[in-house]
C-alpha atoms as a PDB file:
ATOM      1  CA  UNK A   1     117.208  63.496  79.939  1.00  0.00           C
ATOM      2  CA  UNK A   2     114.411  62.198  82.234  1.00  0.00           C
ATOM      3  CA  UNK A   3     111.555  60.767  80.670  1.00  0.00           C
ATOM      4  CA  UNK A   4     109.896  59.582  77.556  1.00  0.00           C
ATOM      5  CA  UNK A   5     108.919  62.432  76.021  1.00  0.00           C
ATOM      6  CA  UNK A   6     111.021  64.418  74.146  1.00  0.00           C
ATOM      7  CA  UNK A   7     112.411  65.872  76.330  1.00  0.00           C
ATOM      8  CA  UNK A   8     113.254  70.525  76.334  1.00  0.00           C
ATOM      9  CA  UNK A   9     116.712  70.575  74.237  1.00  0.00           C
ATOM     10  CA  UNK A  10     115.596  68.322  71.229  1.00  0.00           C
ATOM     11  CA  UNK A  11     112.068  70.188  71.275  1.00  0.00           C
ATOM     12  CA  UNK A  12     114.518  73.319  70.766  1.00  0.00           C
ATOM     13  CA  UNK A  13     117.000  71.477  67.785  1.00  0.00           C
ATOM     14  CA  UNK A  14     113.299  71.875  65.841  1.00  0.00           C
ATOM     15  CA  UNK A  15     114.099  75.755  65.920  1.00  0.00           C
ATOM     16  CA  UNK A  16     114.340  77.215  62.612  1.00  0.00           C
ATOM     17  CA  UNK A  17     117.142  79.390  64.087  1.00  0.00           C
ATOM     18  CA  UNK A  18     119.583  78.573  66.995  1.00  0.00           C
ATOM     19  CA  UNK A  19     121.716  81.751  67.348  1.00  0.00           C
ATOM     20  CA  UNK A  20     125.472  80.877  68.745  1.00  0.00           C
ATOM     21  CA  UNK A  21     126.314  82.378  71.572  1.00  0.00           C
ATOM     22  CA  UNK A  22     127.471  85.509  71.167  1.00  0.00           C
ATOM     23  CA  UNK A  23     124.140  86.425  68.880  1.00  0.00           C
ATOM     24  CA  UNK A  24     122.308  84.318  71.526  1.00  0.00           C
ATOM     25  CA  UNK A  25     123.428  87.777  74.026  1.00  0.00           C
ATOM     26  CA  UNK A  26     122.375  89.967  72.321  1.00  0.00           C
ATOM     27  CA  UNK A  27     119.183  88.884  71.410  1.00  0.00           C
ATOM     28  CA  UNK A  28     118.342  88.242  75.261  1.00  0.00           C
ATOM     29  CA  UNK A  29     119.627  92.041  75.445  1.00  0.00           C
ATOM     30  CA  UNK A  30     117.676  93.208  73.010  1.00  0.00           C
ATOM     31  CA  UNK A  31     114.307  91.052  75.015  1.00  0.00           C
ATOM     32  CA  UNK A  32     115.379  92.878  78.218  1.00  0.00           C
ATOM     33  CA  UNK A  33     115.530  96.816  77.046  1.00  0.00           C
ATOM     34  CA  UNK A  34     112.690  96.343  74.597  1.00  0.00           C
ATOM     35  CA  UNK A  35     110.615  94.375  77.216  1.00  0.00           C
ATOM     36  CA  UNK A  36     111.340  97.443  79.491  1.00  0.00           C
ATOM     37  CA  UNK A  37     110.648 100.191  76.788  1.00  0.00           C
ATOM     38  CA  UNK A  38     107.357  99.157  75.456  1.00  0.00           C
ATOM     39  CA  UNK A  39     106.318  98.471  78.941  1.00  0.00           C
ATOM     40  CA  UNK A  40     107.119 101.171  80.245  1.00  0.00           C
ATOM     41  CA  UNK A  41     105.301 103.411  77.336  1.00  0.00           C
ATOM     42  CA  UNK A  42     102.282 101.501  78.331  1.00  0.00           C
ATOM     43  CA  UNK A  43     102.160 101.650  81.561  1.00  0.00           C
ATOM     44  CA  UNK A  44     102.013 105.619  81.111  1.00  0.00           C
ATOM     45  CA  UNK A  45      98.290 105.304  80.797  1.00  0.00           C
ATOM     46  CA  UNK A  46      97.916 103.223  84.217  1.00  0.00           C
ATOM     47  CA  UNK A  47     100.009 105.653  86.203  1.00  0.00           C
ATOM     48  CA  UNK A  48      98.294 108.945  84.448  1.00  0.00           C
ATOM     49  CA  UNK A  49      94.814 106.998  85.951  1.00  0.00           C
ATOM     50  CA  UNK A  50      95.802 105.971  88.809  1.00  0.00           C
ATOM     51  CA  UNK A  51      96.726 109.535  89.866  1.00  0.00           C
ATOM     52  CA  UNK A  52      94.176 110.714  88.536  1.00  0.00           C
ATOM     53  CA  UNK A  53      92.533 109.123  89.964  1.00  0.00           C
ATOM     54  CA  UNK A  54      93.681 109.304  93.439  1.00  0.00           C
ATOM     55  CA  UNK A  55      94.973 106.733  94.186  1.00  0.00           C
ATOM     56  CA  UNK A  56      98.285 106.434  93.743  1.00  0.00           C
ATOM     57  CA  UNK A  57      99.491 109.326  96.160  1.00  0.00           C
ATOM     58  CA  UNK A  58      98.043 107.141  99.004  1.00  0.00           C
ATOM     59  CA  UNK A  59      99.288 103.711  97.726  1.00  0.00           C
ATOM     60  CA  UNK A  60     102.420 105.090  95.768  1.00  0.00           C
ATOM     61  CA  UNK A  61     105.573 102.428  96.961  1.00  0.00           C
ATOM     62  CA  UNK A  62     102.928 100.154  96.178  1.00  0.00           C
ATOM     63  CA  UNK A  63     101.464 101.018  93.034  1.00  0.00           C
ATOM     64  CA  UNK A  64     104.301 101.829  91.214  1.00  0.00           C
ATOM     65  CA  UNK A  65     106.135  98.194  92.704  1.00  0.00           C
ATOM     66  CA  UNK A  66     103.442  96.160  91.386  1.00  0.00           C
ATOM     67  CA  UNK A  67     103.093  98.404  88.145  1.00  0.00           C
ATOM     68  CA  UNK A  68     107.408  97.716  87.704  1.00  0.00           C
ATOM     69  CA  UNK A  69     107.413  94.328  88.559  1.00  0.00           C
ATOM     70  CA  UNK A  70     104.360  93.022  86.142  1.00  0.00           C
ATOM     71  CA  UNK A  71     105.939  95.170  83.141  1.00  0.00           C
ATOM     72  CA  UNK A  72     108.947  92.643  82.880  1.00  0.00           C
ATOM     73  CA  UNK A  73     105.413  90.557  81.031  1.00  0.00           C
ATOM     74  CA  UNK A  74     106.243  92.725  77.850  1.00  0.00           C
ATOM     75  CA  UNK A  75     109.626  91.312  77.956  1.00  0.00           C
ATOM     76  CA  UNK A  76     108.331  87.575  77.911  1.00  0.00           C
ATOM     77  CA  UNK A  77     106.269  88.218  75.203  1.00  0.00           C
ATOM     78  CA  UNK A  78     108.767  89.513  72.781  1.00  0.00           C
ATOM     79  CA  UNK A  79     110.720  85.642  73.950  1.00  0.00           C
ATOM     80  CA  UNK A  80     107.211  83.747  72.627  1.00  0.00           C
ATOM     81  CA  UNK A  81     107.339  85.944  69.354  1.00  0.00           C
ATOM     82  CA  UNK A  82     110.895  85.109  68.310  1.00  0.00           C
ATOM     83  CA  UNK A  83     109.762  81.784  69.219  1.00  0.00           C
ATOM     84  CA  UNK A  84     106.722  81.511  67.659  1.00  0.00           C
ATOM     85  CA  UNK A  85     107.564  84.019  64.880  1.00  0.00           C
ATOM     86  CA  UNK A  86     111.103  83.026  64.289  1.00  0.00           C
ATOM     87  CA  UNK A  87     112.464  79.839  65.642  1.00  0.00           C
ATOM     88  CA  UNK A  88     108.374  78.271  64.200  1.00  0.00           C
ATOM     89  CA  UNK A  89     108.175  76.157  67.385  1.00  0.00           C
ATOM     90  CA  UNK A  90     105.757  76.092  69.859  1.00  0.00           C
ATOM     91  CA  UNK A  91     105.398  78.572  73.392  1.00  0.00           C
ATOM     92  CA  UNK A  92     105.044  75.136  75.342  1.00  0.00           C
ATOM     93  CA  UNK A  93     108.234  73.690  74.192  1.00  0.00           C
ATOM     94  CA  UNK A  94     109.754  76.647  76.561  1.00  0.00           C
ATOM     95  CA  UNK A  95     108.778  73.719  79.683  1.00  0.00           C
ATOM     96  CA  UNK A  96     104.942  74.367  79.550  1.00  0.00           C
ATOM     97  CA  UNK A  97     103.352  71.759  78.492  1.00  0.00           C
ATOM     98  CA  UNK A  98     100.138  71.450  80.024  1.00  0.00           C
ATOM     99  CA  UNK A  99     100.077  68.390  81.974  1.00  0.00           C
ATOM    100  CA  UNK A 100      99.863  68.902  86.186  1.00  0.00           C
ATOM    101  CA  UNK A 101     100.718  72.282  85.273  1.00  0.00           C
ATOM    102  CA  UNK A 102      98.671  73.979  88.829  1.00  0.00           C
ATOM    103  CA  UNK A 103     100.314  70.930  90.432  1.00  0.00           C
ATOM    104  CA  UNK A 104     103.874  71.929  88.861  1.00  0.00           C
ATOM    105  CA  UNK A 105     103.986  75.074  89.650  1.00  0.00           C
ATOM    106  CA  UNK A 106     102.565  74.811  93.404  1.00  0.00           C
ATOM    107  CA  UNK A 107     105.966  72.003  93.989  1.00  0.00           C
ATOM    108  CA  UNK A 108     107.668  74.414  92.950  1.00  0.00           C
ATOM    109  CA  UNK A 109     106.746  77.850  94.794  1.00  0.00           C
ATOM    110  CA  UNK A 110     106.787  75.202  98.502  1.00  0.00           C
ATOM    111  CA  UNK A 111     110.843  74.599  97.470  1.00  0.00           C
ATOM    112  CA  UNK A 112     111.304  77.985  97.150  1.00  0.00           C
ATOM    113  CA  UNK A 113     109.429  79.085 100.062  1.00  0.00           C
ATOM    114  CA  UNK A 114     110.857  76.134 102.225  1.00  0.00           C
ATOM    115  CA  UNK A 115     114.425  77.059 100.523  1.00  0.00           C
ATOM    116  CA  UNK A 116     114.066  80.938 102.075  1.00  0.00           C
ATOM    117  CA  UNK A 117     112.763  79.644 104.800  1.00  0.00           C
ATOM    118  CA  UNK A 118     115.500  77.855 106.142  1.00  0.00           C
ATOM    119  CA  UNK A 119     118.646  80.670 105.236  1.00  0.00           C
ATOM    120  CA  UNK A 120     115.932  82.743 107.859  1.00  0.00           C
ATOM    121  CA  UNK A 121     115.756  80.198 110.462  1.00  0.00           C
ATOM    122  CA  UNK A 122     120.010  79.291 110.548  1.00  0.00           C
ATOM    123  CA  UNK A 123     120.348  83.882 110.228  1.00  0.00           C
ATOM    124  CA  UNK A 124     118.069  83.576 113.559  1.00  0.00           C
ATOM    125  CA  UNK A 125     119.278  80.621 115.354  1.00  0.00           C
ATOM    126  CA  UNK A 126     123.083  82.102 114.854  1.00  0.00           C
ATOM    127  CA  UNK A 127     121.627  85.384 115.358  1.00  0.00           C
ATOM    128  CA  UNK A 128     122.263  87.396 112.871  1.00  0.00           C
ATOM    129  CA  UNK A 129     118.096  88.669 112.590  1.00  0.00           C
ATOM    130  CA  UNK A 130     116.669  91.059 113.771  1.00  0.00           C
ATOM    131  CA  UNK A 131     112.160  92.063 114.710  1.00  0.00           C
ATOM    132  CA  UNK A 132     111.979  95.891 114.214  1.00  0.00           C
ATOM    133  CA  UNK A 133     109.479  96.683 116.249  1.00  0.00           C
ATOM    134  CA  UNK A 134     108.606  99.953 114.601  1.00  0.00           C
ATOM    135  CA  UNK A 135     108.344  99.789 110.798  1.00  0.00           C
ATOM    136  CA  UNK A 136     107.525 102.308 108.437  1.00  0.00           C
ATOM    137  CA  UNK A 137     105.054  99.784 106.211  1.00  0.00           C
ATOM    138  CA  UNK A 138     102.383  98.215 107.166  1.00  0.00           C
ATOM    139  CA  UNK A 139     102.714  94.506 108.683  1.00  0.00           C
ATOM    140  CA  UNK A 140     100.922  91.555 110.041  1.00  0.00           C
ATOM    141  CA  UNK A 141      97.387  91.201 108.748  1.00  0.00           C
ATOM    142  CA  UNK A 142      97.228  94.982 108.052  1.00  0.00           C
ATOM    143  CA  UNK A 143      99.801  94.307 104.695  1.00  0.00           C
ATOM    144  CA  UNK A 144      97.455  91.020 103.809  1.00  0.00           C
ATOM    145  CA  UNK A 145      96.225  92.837 100.882  1.00  0.00           C
ATOM    146  CA  UNK A 146      99.450  94.914  99.665  1.00  0.00           C
ATOM    147  CA  UNK A 147     101.639  91.571  99.905  1.00  0.00           C
ATOM    148  CA  UNK A 148      98.610  89.131  97.653  1.00  0.00           C
ATOM    149  CA  UNK A 149      98.890  92.398  95.254  1.00  0.00           C
ATOM    150  CA  UNK A 150     102.288  92.024  95.260  1.00  0.00           C
ATOM    151  CA  UNK A 151     102.786  88.811  95.186  1.00  0.00           C
ATOM    152  CA  UNK A 152     100.776  88.318  91.525  1.00  0.00           C
ATOM    153  CA  UNK A 153     103.910  91.124  90.794  1.00  0.00           C
ATOM    154  CA  UNK A 154     106.892  88.859  91.822  1.00  0.00           C
ATOM    155  CA  UNK A 155     104.845  85.679  89.396  1.00  0.00           C
ATOM    156  CA  UNK A 156     104.806  87.954  86.814  1.00  0.00           C
ATOM    157  CA  UNK A 157     108.448  89.077  87.236  1.00  0.00           C
ATOM    158  CA  UNK A 158     110.600  85.596  87.811  1.00  0.00           C
ATOM    159  CA  UNK A 159     108.565  83.921  85.277  1.00  0.00           C
ATOM    160  CA  UNK A 160     109.534  86.677  82.858  1.00  0.00           C
ATOM    161  CA  UNK A 161     113.564  85.714  84.285  1.00  0.00           C
ATOM    162  CA  UNK A 162     112.627  82.171  83.713  1.00  0.00           C
ATOM    163  CA  UNK A 163     111.465  81.612  80.373  1.00  0.00           C
ATOM    164  CA  UNK A 164     114.074  84.247  79.641  1.00  0.00           C
ATOM    165  CA  UNK A 165     117.126  81.982  80.640  1.00  0.00           C
ATOM    166  CA  UNK A 166     116.631  78.978  81.464  1.00  0.00           C
ATOM    167  CA  UNK A 167     112.948  77.755  79.031  1.00  0.00           C
ATOM    168  CA  UNK A 168     115.261  80.204  76.181  1.00  0.00           C
ATOM    169  CA  UNK A 169     118.832  80.805  76.781  1.00  0.00           C
ATOM    170  CA  UNK A 170     119.876  77.605  78.035  1.00  0.00           C
ATOM    171  CA  UNK A 171     117.862  75.443  75.868  1.00  0.00           C
ATOM    172  CA  UNK A 172     118.790  76.831  72.904  1.00  0.00           C
ATOM    173  CA  UNK A 173     122.894  77.101  73.656  1.00  0.00           C
ATOM    174  CA  UNK A 174     122.513  73.360  74.572  1.00  0.00           C
ATOM    175  CA  UNK A 175     121.000  72.805  71.320  1.00  0.00           C
ATOM    176  CA  UNK A 176     123.627  74.094  69.431  1.00  0.00           C
ATOM    177  CA  UNK A 177     126.264  73.211  71.580  1.00  0.00           C
ATOM    178  CA  UNK A 178     126.272  71.046  74.396  1.00  0.00           C
ATOM    179  CA  UNK A 179     124.404  71.159  77.984  1.00  0.00           C
ATOM    180  CA  UNK A 180     126.672  71.879  80.264  1.00  0.00           C
ATOM    181  CA  UNK A 181     128.170  74.436  78.288  1.00  0.00           C
ATOM    182  CA  UNK A 182     124.549  75.977  78.027  1.00  0.00           C
ATOM    183  CA  UNK A 183     123.931  75.861  82.396  1.00  0.00           C
ATOM    184  CA  UNK A 184     127.057  76.992  82.631  1.00  0.00           C
ATOM    185  CA  UNK A 185     126.679  80.221  80.173  1.00  0.00           C
ATOM    186  CA  UNK A 186     123.192  80.434  80.763  1.00  0.00           C
ATOM    187  CA  UNK A 187     123.617  80.773  85.086  1.00  0.00           C
ATOM    188  CA  UNK A 188     126.698  83.723  84.675  1.00  0.00           C
ATOM    189  CA  UNK A 189     124.672  85.853  82.557  1.00  0.00           C
ATOM    190  CA  UNK A 190     121.659  85.890  85.067  1.00  0.00           C
ATOM    191  CA  UNK A 191     124.247  86.698  87.803  1.00  0.00           C
ATOM    192  CA  UNK A 192     125.219  89.404  85.674  1.00  0.00           C
ATOM    193  CA  UNK A 193     121.828  90.273  84.978  1.00  0.00           C
ATOM    194  CA  UNK A 194     121.865  91.519  88.409  1.00  0.00           C
ATOM    195  CA  UNK A 195     125.676  92.989  88.531  1.00  0.00           C
ATOM    196  CA  UNK A 196     124.263  96.203  89.306  1.00  0.00           C
ATOM    197  CA  UNK A 197     122.071  95.968  91.565  1.00  0.00           C
ATOM    198  CA  UNK A 198     122.548  98.249  95.156  1.00  0.00           C
ATOM    199  CA  UNK A 199     124.572  97.187  97.500  1.00  0.00           C
ATOM    200  CA  UNK A 200     125.928  93.958  95.410  1.00  0.00           C
ATOM    201  CA  UNK A 201     129.108  92.276  96.551  1.00  0.00           C
ATOM    202  CA  UNK A 202     130.986  88.968  95.063  1.00  0.00           C
ATOM    203  CA  UNK A 203     129.148  87.441  97.536  1.00  0.00           C
ATOM    204  CA  UNK A 204     126.022  87.812  95.546  1.00  0.00           C
ATOM    205  CA  UNK A 205     127.380  87.420  91.777  1.00  0.00           C
ATOM    206  CA  UNK A 206     128.145  84.058  92.743  1.00  0.00           C
ATOM    207  CA  UNK A 207     124.988  83.165  95.528  1.00  0.00           C
ATOM    208  CA  UNK A 208     122.669  84.379  91.925  1.00  0.00           C
ATOM    209  CA  UNK A 209     124.520  82.289  89.701  1.00  0.00           C
ATOM    210  CA  UNK A 210     124.371  79.408  91.770  1.00  0.00           C
ATOM    211  CA  UNK A 211     120.711  79.917  91.901  1.00  0.00           C
ATOM    212  CA  UNK A 212     120.578  79.285  88.054  1.00  0.00           C
ATOM    213  CA  UNK A 213     122.868  76.583  88.072  1.00  0.00           C
ATOM    214  CA  UNK A 214     120.161  75.026  90.913  1.00  0.00           C
ATOM    215  CA  UNK A 215     117.075  76.056  88.370  1.00  0.00           C
ATOM    216  CA  UNK A 216     118.602  74.589  85.489  1.00  0.00           C
ATOM    217  CA  UNK A 217     118.979  71.455  86.479  1.00  0.00           C
ATOM    218  CA  UNK A 218     115.827  71.198  88.324  1.00  0.00           C
ATOM    219  CA  UNK A 219     114.758  72.025  84.875  1.00  0.00           C
ATOM    220  CA  UNK A 220     117.189  69.623  82.797  1.00  0.00           C
ATOM    221  CA  UNK A 221     115.498  66.908  84.943  1.00  0.00           C
ATOM    222  CA  UNK A 222     112.040  67.412  85.101  1.00  0.00           C
ATOM    223  CA  UNK A 223     112.287  69.329  80.898  1.00  0.00           C
ATOM    224  CA  UNK A 224     109.476  71.753  83.112  1.00  0.00           C
ATOM    225  CA  UNK A 225     109.131  75.732  84.112  1.00  0.00           C
ATOM    226  CA  UNK A 226     106.807  75.444  85.401  1.00  0.00           C
ATOM    227  CA  UNK A 227     107.991  74.564  88.833  1.00  0.00           C
ATOM    228  CA  UNK A 228     111.075  77.111  88.380  1.00  0.00           C
ATOM    229  CA  UNK A 229     109.349  79.648  88.185  1.00  0.00           C
ATOM    230  CA  UNK A 230     106.954  78.397  91.555  1.00  0.00           C
ATOM    231  CA  UNK A 231     110.613  78.503  93.633  1.00  0.00           C
ATOM    232  CA  UNK A 232     111.505  81.691  91.914  1.00  0.00           C
ATOM    233  CA  UNK A 233     108.535  83.674  92.702  1.00  0.00           C
ATOM    234  CA  UNK A 234     108.292  81.974  96.212  1.00  0.00           C
ATOM    235  CA  UNK A 235     111.828  82.889  96.531  1.00  0.00           C
ATOM    236  CA  UNK A 236     111.680  86.439  96.086  1.00  0.00           C
ATOM    237  CA  UNK A 237     108.215  86.871  97.122  1.00  0.00           C
ATOM    238  CA  UNK A 238     109.384  85.213 100.585  1.00  0.00           C
ATOM    239  CA  UNK A 239     111.955  86.773 101.106  1.00  0.00           C
ATOM    240  CA  UNK A 240     111.059  90.549 100.524  1.00  0.00           C
ATOM    241  CA  UNK A 241     107.060  89.998 101.482  1.00  0.00           C
ATOM    242  CA  UNK A 242     106.682  88.157 104.144  1.00  0.00           C
ATOM    243  CA  UNK A 243     109.894  88.206 105.732  1.00  0.00           C
ATOM    244  CA  UNK A 244     110.699  92.039 104.427  1.00  0.00           C
ATOM    245  CA  UNK A 245     114.639  91.838 103.543  1.00  0.00           C
ATOM    246  CA  UNK A 246     115.736  93.695 100.512  1.00  0.00           C
ATOM    247  CA  UNK A 247     115.494  91.499  97.756  1.00  0.00           C
ATOM    248  CA  UNK A 248     118.783  91.186  94.914  1.00  0.00           C
ATOM    249  CA  UNK A 249     119.100  94.722  97.188  1.00  0.00           C
ATOM    250  CA  UNK A 250     116.180  96.539  96.179  1.00  0.00           C
ATOM    251  CA  UNK A 251     113.441  97.504  98.711  1.00  0.00           C
ATOM    252  CA  UNK A 252     110.576  95.799  97.878  1.00  0.00           C
ATOM    253  CA  UNK A 253     109.042  95.270 101.470  1.00  0.00           C
ATOM    254  CA  UNK A 254     105.453  97.808 100.682  1.00  0.00           C
ATOM    255  CA  UNK A 255     103.849  95.329 102.936  1.00  0.00           C
ATOM    256  CA  UNK A 256     105.482  92.753 104.875  1.00  0.00           C
ATOM    257  CA  UNK A 257     104.317  90.008 107.199  1.00  0.00           C
ATOM    258  CA  UNK A 258     107.376  91.000 109.525  1.00  0.00           C
ATOM    259  CA  UNK A 259     109.839  93.365 109.017  1.00  0.00           C
ATOM    260  CA  UNK A 260     113.138  91.951 109.861  1.00  0.00           C
ATOM    261  CA  UNK A 261     116.472  93.432 110.253  1.00  0.00           C
ATOM    262  CA  UNK A 262     120.115  91.353 108.988  1.00  0.00           C
ATOM    263  CA  UNK A 263     122.471  92.191 111.634  1.00  0.00           C
ATOM    264  CA  UNK A 264     126.107  91.097 112.287  1.00  0.00           C
ATOM    265  CA  UNK A 265     128.345  89.943 109.784  1.00  0.00           C
ATOM    266  CA  UNK A 266     127.054  90.843 106.267  1.00  0.00           C
ATOM    267  CA  UNK A 267     129.603  87.918 105.086  1.00  0.00           C
ATOM    268  CA  UNK A 268     127.279  85.611 106.779  1.00  0.00           C
ATOM    269  CA  UNK A 269     123.736  87.166 106.794  1.00  0.00           C
ATOM    270  CA  UNK A 270     124.587  89.351 103.358  1.00  0.00           C
ATOM    271  CA  UNK A 271     123.578  92.713 104.334  1.00  0.00           C
ATOM    272  CA  UNK A 272     121.910  95.475 102.452  1.00  0.00           C
ATOM    273  CA  UNK A 273     121.639  93.125  99.507  1.00  0.00           C
ATOM    274  CA  UNK A 274     119.298  91.153 101.196  1.00  0.00           C
ATOM    275  CA  UNK A 275     119.942  87.152 102.523  1.00  0.00           C
ATOM    276  CA  UNK A 276     121.485  86.694  98.912  1.00  0.00           C
ATOM    277  CA  UNK A 277     124.268  87.895  99.678  1.00  0.00           C
ATOM    278  CA  UNK A 278     125.674  85.718 102.389  1.00  0.00           C
ATOM    279  CA  UNK A 279     126.929  82.549 102.892  1.00  0.00           C
ATOM    280  CA  UNK A 280     123.661  81.355 105.069  1.00  0.00           C
ATOM    281  CA  UNK A 281     122.625  80.602 101.319  1.00  0.00           C
ATOM    282  CA  UNK A 282     125.553  79.759  99.557  1.00  0.00           C
ATOM    283  CA  UNK A 283     125.507  76.917 101.682  1.00  0.00           C
ATOM    284  CA  UNK A 284     121.969  76.828 101.452  1.00  0.00           C
ATOM    285  CA  UNK A 285     121.954  76.636  98.249  1.00  0.00           C
ATOM    286  CA  UNK A 286     125.000  73.898  96.898  1.00  0.00           C
ATOM    287  CA  UNK A 287     122.604  71.254  99.446  1.00  0.00           C
ATOM    288  CA  UNK A 288     120.101  72.249  96.891  1.00  0.00           C
ATOM    289  CA  UNK A 289     122.175  71.961  93.955  1.00  0.00           C
ATOM    290  CA  UNK A 290     123.636  68.156  95.249  1.00  0.00           C
ATOM    291  CA  UNK A 291     119.718  67.387  96.851  1.00  0.00           C
ATOM    292  CA  UNK A 292     118.592  67.534  92.685  1.00  0.00           C
ATOM    293  CA  UNK A 293     121.377  66.540  90.846  1.00  0.00           C
ATOM    294  CA  UNK A 294     121.830  63.253  93.363  1.00  0.00           C
ATOM    295  CA  UNK A 295     117.496  62.752  93.375  1.00  0.00           C
ATOM    296  CA  UNK A 296     117.919  63.129  89.380  1.00  0.00           C
ATOM    297  CA  UNK A 297     120.584  60.385  89.015  1.00  0.00           C
ATOM    298  CA  UNK A 298     118.281  58.042  91.020  1.00  0.00           C
ATOM    299  CA  UNK A 299     116.121  58.922  88.305  1.00  0.00           C
ATOM    300  CA  UNK A 300     113.501  60.286  90.690  1.00  0.00           C
ATOM    301  CA  UNK A 301     112.039  63.003  89.103  1.00  0.00           C
ATOM    302  CA  UNK A 302     110.722  59.616  85.777  1.00  0.00           C
ATOM    303  CA  UNK A 303     109.008  57.906  88.854  1.00  0.00           C
ATOM    304  CA  UNK A 304     107.722  61.551  89.918  1.00  0.00           C
ATOM    305  CA  UNK A 305     106.660  62.533  86.467  1.00  0.00           C
ATOM    306  CA  UNK A 306     103.395  61.836  86.883  1.00  0.00           C
END
C-alpha cells in the first residue's frame, strides 16, 4: 500500500467478524436508521429546551440544521460499537491514527475547499453563477456566527459518512474480497444513499459516486481517514455556507458568506440540486481522481507520510 505501517485493510483483517457484502449492506442500513432513531430521541429534550427558552423561534432554521447535522454522531457511535465490541479491534483501525491528525484534517479541509472553489470559479467564468442581491437569510459579516456553528455540524455529519462508507464498509469488504471491489461497491452505496434527495438526477448520482471513488483512493493511498473527513466537510461547507448553494438538493444556506444562484444550463451547473449535479463538478472530480492516483503511483504519499 503506502507505508511501512500496517495498512487499513490488514488491520481490518484482524476483525473477528468480516461480513459479506450483503450483510455489510444490511448493517450499514441498521447503522443509518438506528442512529437516526437514537439521535431523534436524544435531541427531543434539546428541542424542548430551546423552545421553552424562546431561542427556537428566533433562530429556527439555523438551530434545526445544526441539530440535524449533529445527530449523525449517533450513526458513528453505532459503527464504533460494532468495531470495538463485535469485530474486536481498535477504533483507530478505521483510519484514525493519532499521528499528525490535525495536520491531516486541515490539509484535507483545504483540498476539499479548493475543489469546490474551482467548480464555482469555472461556473462563474461560464456565466452560470449570479449573486442574489436580495437574500432572505443572513449573509456576509452578519452571518459569520451562524456559519461557524453550521461548520461544526458539517464536520460531524461528514466524518460520520466517511466512517460509515470508507472507514468501515470499504475496508471490511477489501479485507474479505479485494480492494477494487470494495472501492467500487462502497462508492456505489455512497451514491445510492443520496438517491432520494430532492431534485436528484443521474449526473448527481454519478458525481457522488465519483466523490466516493476519489475519497476512497485517497484513503487507500494514505491509510488515513482524517483527511477525507476534512475534505468532505469543506466540500459541503463551501458549497452551502460559503457560496450559498444547495448541498445534494438540500437548502442549507440558513447563513452563508455569499448567496449565489446557479443559472443557465442545469446540465452544466447542477441546477436545484447544487453544483454536485453538474458536468463542471464531473470534470473537477475526474481530474482529482487522476491526480491522486498518479501521485500515489509515484510514491508521493509515502514521501510525505510524516
